[in-house]
Each structure stands twice: as C-alpha cells, then as structure tokens.
C-alpha cells in the first residue's frame, strides 16, 4: 500500500509540475484516488488536514481580495 501511495503522490506532483491541471484539482484527484483505491479512508484524509495552514491561507486570500 505504501508504494501505491507514493506512486499516486508522484503522479500528482508530475501533473502539477507539467501544469496539466490546476494544483488544487490535481490534489483533490490524488486524494480521491487514494480513498477510492483504499490507501486511506475519508476519515483519515480529513484527519490529515492541517487546520492552522488552512486558516492562514484563508486569511491571506481574504486580505489579498
């Protein structure tokens, strides 16, 4: 399972680097594939969110707007 997760992560990073799709869309697709394949559950994925970083990003977007 770990190698599968690394492979999905690597493909997602390559897609972002080549600018095939937006990085947010690529990240959501990568996480969705990991959940769909069974690498992690939706509860695990939600638990991995760093809410401090999310708060900082929302604050910066609000100030920039």
PDB file of N, CA and C in Angstrom:
ATOM      1  N   UNK A   1       0.807  -1.197   0.000  1.00  0.00           N
ATOM      2  CA  UNK A   1       0.000   0.000   0.000  1.00  0.00           C
ATOM      3  C   UNK A   1       0.852   1.263   0.000  1.00  0.00           C
ATOM      4  N   UNK A   2       1.974   1.206   0.704  1.00  0.00           N
ATOM      5  CA  UNK A   2       2.824   2.399   0.785  1.00  0.00           C
ATOM      6  C   UNK A   2       3.368   2.766  -0.595  1.00  0.00           C
ATOM      7  N   UNK A   3       3.760   1.756  -1.368  1.00  0.00           N
ATOM      8  CA  UNK A   3       4.286   2.040  -2.708  1.00  0.00           C
ATOM      9  C   UNK A   3       3.200   2.595  -3.623  1.00  0.00           C
ATOM     10  N   UNK A   4       1.990   2.133  -3.438  1.00  0.00           N
ATOM     11  CA  UNK A   4       0.879   2.648  -4.216  1.00  0.00           C
ATOM     12  C   UNK A   4       0.615   4.110  -3.880  1.00  0.00           C
ATOM     13  N   UNK A   5       0.678   4.444  -2.595  1.00  0.00           N
ATOM     14  CA  UNK A   5       0.500   5.836  -2.174  1.00  0.00           C
ATOM     15  C   UNK A   5       1.606   6.723  -2.727  1.00  0.00           C
ATOM     16  N   UNK A   6       2.827   6.235  -2.719  1.00  0.00           N
ATOM     17  CA  UNK A   6       3.953   7.001  -3.271  1.00  0.00           C
ATOM     18  C   UNK A   6       3.780   7.192  -4.773  1.00  0.00           C
ATOM     19  N   UNK A   7       3.310   6.175  -5.467  1.00  0.00           N
ATOM     20  CA  UNK A   7       3.108   6.284  -6.907  1.00  0.00           C
ATOM     21  C   UNK A   7       2.021   7.309  -7.234  1.00  0.00           C
ATOM     22  N   UNK A   8       0.920   7.291  -6.493  1.00  0.00           N
ATOM     23  CA  UNK A   8      -0.148   8.270  -6.714  1.00  0.00           C
ATOM     24  C   UNK A   8       0.360   9.673  -6.413  1.00  0.00           C
ATOM     25  N   UNK A   9       1.112   9.806  -5.341  1.00  0.00           N
ATOM     26  CA  UNK A   9       1.687  11.112  -4.981  1.00  0.00           C
ATOM     27  C   UNK A   9       2.627  11.608  -6.080  1.00  0.00           C
ATOM     28  N   UNK A  10       3.470  10.724  -6.593  1.00  0.00           N
ATOM     29  CA  UNK A  10       4.423  11.112  -7.639  1.00  0.00           C
ATOM     30  C   UNK A  10       3.699  11.539  -8.912  1.00  0.00           C
ATOM     31  N   UNK A  11       2.677  10.807  -9.294  1.00  0.00           N
ATOM     32  CA  UNK A  11       1.907  11.182 -10.483  1.00  0.00           C
ATOM     33  C   UNK A  11       1.244  12.537 -10.277  1.00  0.00           C
ATOM     34  N   UNK A  12       0.711  12.769  -9.094  1.00  0.00           N
ATOM     35  CA  UNK A  12       0.078  14.053  -8.795  1.00  0.00           C
ATOM     36  C   UNK A  12       1.084  15.192  -8.881  1.00  0.00           C
ATOM     37  N   UNK A  13       2.276  14.993  -8.349  1.00  0.00           N
ATOM     38  CA  UNK A  13       3.312  16.027  -8.405  1.00  0.00           C
ATOM     39  C   UNK A  13       3.730  16.297  -9.846  1.00  0.00           C
ATOM     40  N   UNK A  14       3.881  15.251 -10.649  1.00  0.00           N
ATOM     41  CA  UNK A  14       4.253  15.428 -12.056  1.00  0.00           C
ATOM     42  C   UNK A  14       3.173  16.207 -12.802  1.00  0.00           C
ATOM     43  N   UNK A  15       1.909  15.905 -12.523  1.00  0.00           N
ATOM     44  CA  UNK A  15       0.800  16.625 -13.163  1.00  0.00           C
ATOM     45  C   UNK A  15       0.837  18.106 -12.785  1.00  0.00           C
ATOM     46  N   UNK A  16       1.148  18.396 -11.532  1.00  0.00           N
ATOM     47  CA  UNK A  16       1.240  19.799 -11.089  1.00  0.00           C
ATOM     48  C   UNK A  16       2.432  20.490 -11.744  1.00  0.00           C
ATOM     49  N   UNK A  17       3.573  19.817 -11.813  1.00  0.00           N
ATOM     50  CA  UNK A  17       4.773  20.415 -12.404  1.00  0.00           C
ATOM     51  C   UNK A  17       4.560  20.701 -13.888  1.00  0.00           C
ATOM     52  N   UNK A  18       3.931  19.784 -14.604  1.00  0.00           N
ATOM     53  CA  UNK A  18       3.683  19.971 -16.034  1.00  0.00           C
ATOM     54  C   UNK A  18       2.515  20.903 -16.299  1.00  0.00           C
ATOM     55  N   UNK A  19       1.828  21.307 -15.243  1.00  0.00           N
ATOM     56  CA  UNK A  19       0.711  22.246 -15.332  1.00  0.00           C
ATOM     57  C   UNK A  19      -0.399  21.707 -16.238  1.00  0.00           C
ATOM     58  N   UNK A  20      -0.665  20.420 -16.117  1.00  0.00           N
ATOM     59  CA  UNK A  20      -1.729  19.788 -16.885  1.00  0.00           C
ATOM     60  C   UNK A  20      -3.090  20.280 -16.394  1.00  0.00           C
ATOM     61  N   UNK A  21      -3.273  20.287 -15.095  1.00  0.00           N
ATOM     62  CA  UNK A  21      -4.469  20.834 -14.460  1.00  0.00           C
ATOM     63  C   UNK A  21      -4.023  21.713 -13.301  1.00  0.00           C
ATOM     64  N   UNK A  22      -4.961  22.455 -12.735  1.00  0.00           N
ATOM     65  CA  UNK A  22      -4.657  23.293 -11.579  1.00  0.00           C
ATOM     66  C   UNK A  22      -4.194  22.416 -10.415  1.00  0.00           C
ATOM     67  N   UNK A  23      -3.313  22.958  -9.597  1.00  0.00           N
ATOM     68  CA  UNK A  23      -2.748  22.170  -8.497  1.00  0.00           C
ATOM     69  C   UNK A  23      -3.810  21.729  -7.503  1.00  0.00           C
ATOM     70  N   UNK A  24      -4.824  22.554  -7.273  1.00  0.00           N
ATOM     71  CA  UNK A  24      -5.894  22.172  -6.350  1.00  0.00           C
ATOM     72  C   UNK A  24      -6.674  20.985  -6.890  1.00  0.00           C
ATOM     73  N   UNK A  25      -6.984  21.022  -8.168  1.00  0.00           N
ATOM     74  CA  UNK A  25      -7.716  19.920  -8.799  1.00  0.00           C
ATOM     75  C   UNK A  25      -6.871  18.652  -8.770  1.00  0.00           C
ATOM     76  N   UNK A  26      -5.588  18.776  -9.058  1.00  0.00           N
ATOM     77  CA  UNK A  26      -4.698  17.611  -9.032  1.00  0.00           C
ATOM     78  C   UNK A  26      -4.639  17.007  -7.633  1.00  0.00           C
ATOM     79  N   UNK A  27      -4.551  17.855  -6.612  1.00  0.00           N
ATOM     80  CA  UNK A  27      -4.504  17.357  -5.234  1.00  0.00           C
ATOM     81  C   UNK A  27      -5.805  16.644  -4.863  1.00  0.00           C
ATOM     82  N   UNK A  28      -6.937  17.226  -5.234  1.00  0.00           N
ATOM     83  CA  UNK A  28      -8.216  16.596  -4.925  1.00  0.00           C
ATOM     84  C   UNK A  28      -8.380  15.268  -5.657  1.00  0.00           C
ATOM     85  N   UNK A  29      -7.924  15.204  -6.895  1.00  0.00           N
ATOM     86  CA  UNK A  29      -7.994  13.946  -7.640  1.00  0.00           C
ATOM     87  C   UNK A  29      -7.080  12.905  -7.004  1.00  0.00           C
ATOM     88  N   UNK A  30      -5.868  13.328  -6.609  1.00  0.00           N
ATOM     89  CA  UNK A  30      -4.939  12.397  -5.960  1.00  0.00           C
ATOM     90  C   UNK A  30      -5.501  11.823  -4.674  1.00  0.00           C
ATOM     91  N   UNK A  31      -6.094  12.676  -3.850  1.00  0.00           N
ATOM     92  CA  UNK A  31      -6.689  12.202  -2.598  1.00  0.00           C
ATOM     93  C   UNK A  31      -7.893  11.313  -2.880  1.00  0.00           C
ATOM     94  N   UNK A  32      -8.689  11.696  -3.868  1.00  0.00           N
ATOM     95  CA  UNK A  32      -9.860  10.885  -4.217  1.00  0.00           C
ATOM     96  C   UNK A  32      -9.449   9.495  -4.676  1.00  0.00           C
ATOM     97  N   UNK A  33      -8.389   9.418  -5.477  1.00  0.00           N
ATOM     98  CA  UNK A  33      -7.899   8.118  -5.939  1.00  0.00           C
ATOM     99  C   UNK A  33      -7.398   7.289  -4.763  1.00  0.00           C
ATOM    100  N   UNK A  34      -6.689   7.922  -3.831  1.00  0.00           N
ATOM    101  CA  UNK A  34      -6.204   7.180  -2.661  1.00  0.00           C
ATOM    102  C   UNK A  34      -7.361   6.642  -1.832  1.00  0.00           C
ATOM    103  N   UNK A  35      -8.417   7.438  -1.684  1.00  0.00           N
ATOM    104  CA  UNK A  35      -9.588   6.971  -0.932  1.00  0.00           C
ATOM    105  C   UNK A  35     -10.300   5.871  -1.710  1.00  0.00           C
ATOM    106  N   UNK A  36     -10.458   6.056  -3.029  1.00  0.00           N
ATOM    107  CA  UNK A  36     -11.161   5.088  -3.861  1.00  0.00           C
ATOM    108  C   UNK A  36     -10.441   3.738  -3.893  1.00  0.00           C
ATOM    109  N   UNK A  37      -9.113   3.766  -3.973  1.00  0.00           N
ATOM    110  CA  UNK A  37      -8.340   2.526  -4.020  1.00  0.00           C
ATOM    111  C   UNK A  37      -8.269   1.861  -2.650  1.00  0.00           C
ATOM    112  N   UNK A  38      -8.371   2.650  -1.598  1.00  0.00           N
ATOM    113  CA  UNK A  38      -8.347   2.086  -0.254  1.00  0.00           C
ATOM    114  C   UNK A  38      -7.052   2.320   0.483  1.00  0.00           C
ATOM    115  N   UNK A  39      -6.209   3.222  -0.017  1.00  0.00           N
ATOM    116  CA  UNK A  39      -4.963   3.539   0.671  1.00  0.00           C
ATOM    117  C   UNK A  39      -5.273   4.197   2.009  1.00  0.00           C
ATOM    118  N   UNK A  40      -6.316   5.043   2.021  1.00  0.00           N
ATOM    119  CA  UNK A  40      -6.757   5.681   3.259  1.00  0.00           C
ATOM    120  C   UNK A  40      -8.268   5.829   3.212  1.00  0.00           C
ATOM    121  N   UNK A  41      -8.866   6.023   4.379  1.00  0.00           N
ATOM    122  CA  UNK A  41     -10.304   6.256   4.432  1.00  0.00           C
ATOM    123  C   UNK A  41     -10.568   7.752   4.374  1.00  0.00           C
ATOM    124  N   UNK A  42     -11.820   8.107   4.190  1.00  0.00           N
ATOM    125  CA  UNK A  42     -12.160   9.517   4.174  1.00  0.00           C
ATOM    126  C   UNK A  42     -11.920  10.168   5.525  1.00  0.00           C
ATOM    127  N   UNK A  43     -12.069   9.424   6.607  1.00  0.00           N
ATOM    128  CA  UNK A  43     -11.807   9.952   7.948  1.00  0.00           C
ATOM    129  C   UNK A  43     -10.312  10.215   8.122  1.00  0.00           C
ATOM    130  N   UNK A  44      -9.463   9.316   7.614  1.00  0.00           N
ATOM    131  CA  UNK A  44      -8.014   9.527   7.662  1.00  0.00           C
ATOM    132  C   UNK A  44      -7.614  10.765   6.863  1.00  0.00           C
ATOM    133  N   UNK A  45      -8.199  10.917   5.675  1.00  0.00           N
ATOM    134  CA  UNK A  45      -7.875  12.073   4.836  1.00  0.00           C
ATOM    135  C   UNK A  45      -8.288  13.367   5.527  1.00  0.00           C
ATOM    136  N   UNK A  46      -9.458  13.387   6.136  1.00  0.00           N
ATOM    137  CA  UNK A  46      -9.920  14.585   6.845  1.00  0.00           C
ATOM    138  C   UNK A  46      -9.036  14.866   8.061  1.00  0.00           C
ATOM    139  N   UNK A  47      -8.564  13.819   8.716  1.00  0.00           N
ATOM    140  CA  UNK A  47      -7.707  13.985   9.889  1.00  0.00           C
ATOM    141  C   UNK A  47      -6.323  14.508   9.554  1.00  0.00           C
ATOM    142  N   UNK A  48      -5.903  14.363   8.315  1.00  0.00           N
ATOM    143  CA  UNK A  48      -4.575  14.831   7.902  1.00  0.00           C
ATOM    144  C   UNK A  48      -4.540  16.305   7.520  1.00  0.00           C
ATOM    145  N   UNK A  49      -5.704  16.955   7.478  1.00  0.00           N
ATOM    146  CA  UNK A  49      -5.759  18.369   7.122  1.00  0.00           C
ATOM    147  C   UNK A  49      -5.131  19.191   8.248  1.00  0.00           C
ATOM    148  N   UNK A  50      -4.213  20.076   7.884  1.00  0.00           N
ATOM    149  CA  UNK A  50      -3.595  20.970   8.862  1.00  0.00           C
ATOM    150  C   UNK A  50      -4.437  22.248   8.905  1.00  0.00           C
ATOM    151  N   UNK A  51      -5.286  22.347   9.931  1.00  0.00           N
ATOM    152  CA  UNK A  51      -6.239  23.449  10.012  1.00  0.00           C
ATOM    153  C   UNK A  51      -5.564  24.786  10.260  1.00  0.00           C
ATOM    154  N   UNK A  52      -4.377  24.789  10.864  1.00  0.00           N
ATOM    155  CA  UNK A  52      -3.647  26.047  11.040  1.00  0.00           C
ATOM    156  C   UNK A  52      -3.224  26.622   9.682  1.00  0.00           C
ATOM    157  N   UNK A  53      -2.743  25.764   8.808  1.00  0.00           N
ATOM    158  CA  UNK A  53      -2.355  26.210   7.465  1.00  0.00           C
ATOM    159  C   UNK A  53      -3.591  26.671   6.695  1.00  0.00           C
ATOM    160  N   UNK A  54      -4.689  25.953   6.831  1.00  0.00           N
ATOM    161  CA  UNK A  54      -5.921  26.366   6.155  1.00  0.00           C
ATOM    162  C   UNK A  54      -6.367  27.745   6.630  1.00  0.00           C
ATOM    163  N   UNK A  55      -6.278  28.014   7.925  1.00  0.00           N
ATOM    164  CA  UNK A  55      -6.663  29.328   8.458  1.00  0.00           C
ATOM    165  C   UNK A  55      -5.756  30.426   7.917  1.00  0.00           C
ATOM    166  N   UNK A  56      -4.477  30.146   7.827  1.00  0.00           N
ATOM    167  CA  UNK A  56      -3.532  31.133   7.279  1.00  0.00           C
ATOM    168  C   UNK A  56      -3.841  31.414   5.816  1.00  0.00           C
ATOM    169  N   UNK A  57      -4.103  30.379   5.027  1.00  0.00           N
ATOM    170  CA  UNK A  57      -4.421  30.567   3.615  1.00  0.00           C
ATOM    171  C   UNK A  57      -5.699  31.367   3.419  1.00  0.00           C
ATOM    172  N   UNK A  58      -6.721  31.052   4.175  1.00  0.00           N
ATOM    173  CA  UNK A  58      -7.980  31.808   4.057  1.00  0.00           C
ATOM    174  C   UNK A  58      -7.763  33.250   4.463  1.00  0.00           C
ATOM    175  N   UNK A  59      -6.970  33.484   5.494  1.00  0.00           N
ATOM    176  CA  UNK A  59      -6.684  34.867   5.913  1.00  0.00           C
ATOM    177  C   UNK A  59      -5.933  35.625   4.834  1.00  0.00           C
ATOM    178  N   UNK A  60      -4.940  35.017   4.234  1.00  0.00           N
ATOM    179  CA  UNK A  60      -4.182  35.683   3.179  1.00  0.00           C
ATOM    180  C   UNK A  60      -5.067  35.962   1.978  1.00  0.00           C
ATOM    181  N   UNK A  61      -5.902  34.994   1.591  1.00  0.00           N
ATOM    182  CA  UNK A  61      -6.814  35.211   0.455  1.00  0.00           C
ATOM    183  C   UNK A  61      -7.787  36.336   0.746  1.00  0.00           C
ATOM    184  N   UNK A  62      -8.266  36.423   1.983  1.00  0.00           N
ATOM    185  CA  UNK A  62      -9.207  37.490   2.356  1.00  0.00           C
ATOM    186  C   UNK A  62      -8.523  38.854   2.297  1.00  0.00           C
ATOM    187  N   UNK A  63      -7.311  38.946   2.807  1.00  0.00           N
ATOM    188  CA  UNK A  63      -6.581  40.220   2.788  1.00  0.00           C
ATOM    189  C   UNK A  63      -6.233  40.606   1.354  1.00  0.00           C
ATOM    190  N   UNK A  64      -5.846  39.640   0.546  1.00  0.00           N
ATOM    191  CA  UNK A  64      -5.461  39.921  -0.836  1.00  0.00           C
ATOM    192  C   UNK A  64      -6.659  40.363  -1.681  1.00  0.00           C
ATOM    193  N   UNK A  65      -7.811  39.874  -1.338  1.00  0.00           N
ATOM    194  CA  UNK A  65      -9.007  40.235  -2.106  1.00  0.00           C
ATOM    195  C   UNK A  65      -9.395  41.654  -1.813  1.00  0.00           C
TER     196      UNK A  65
END
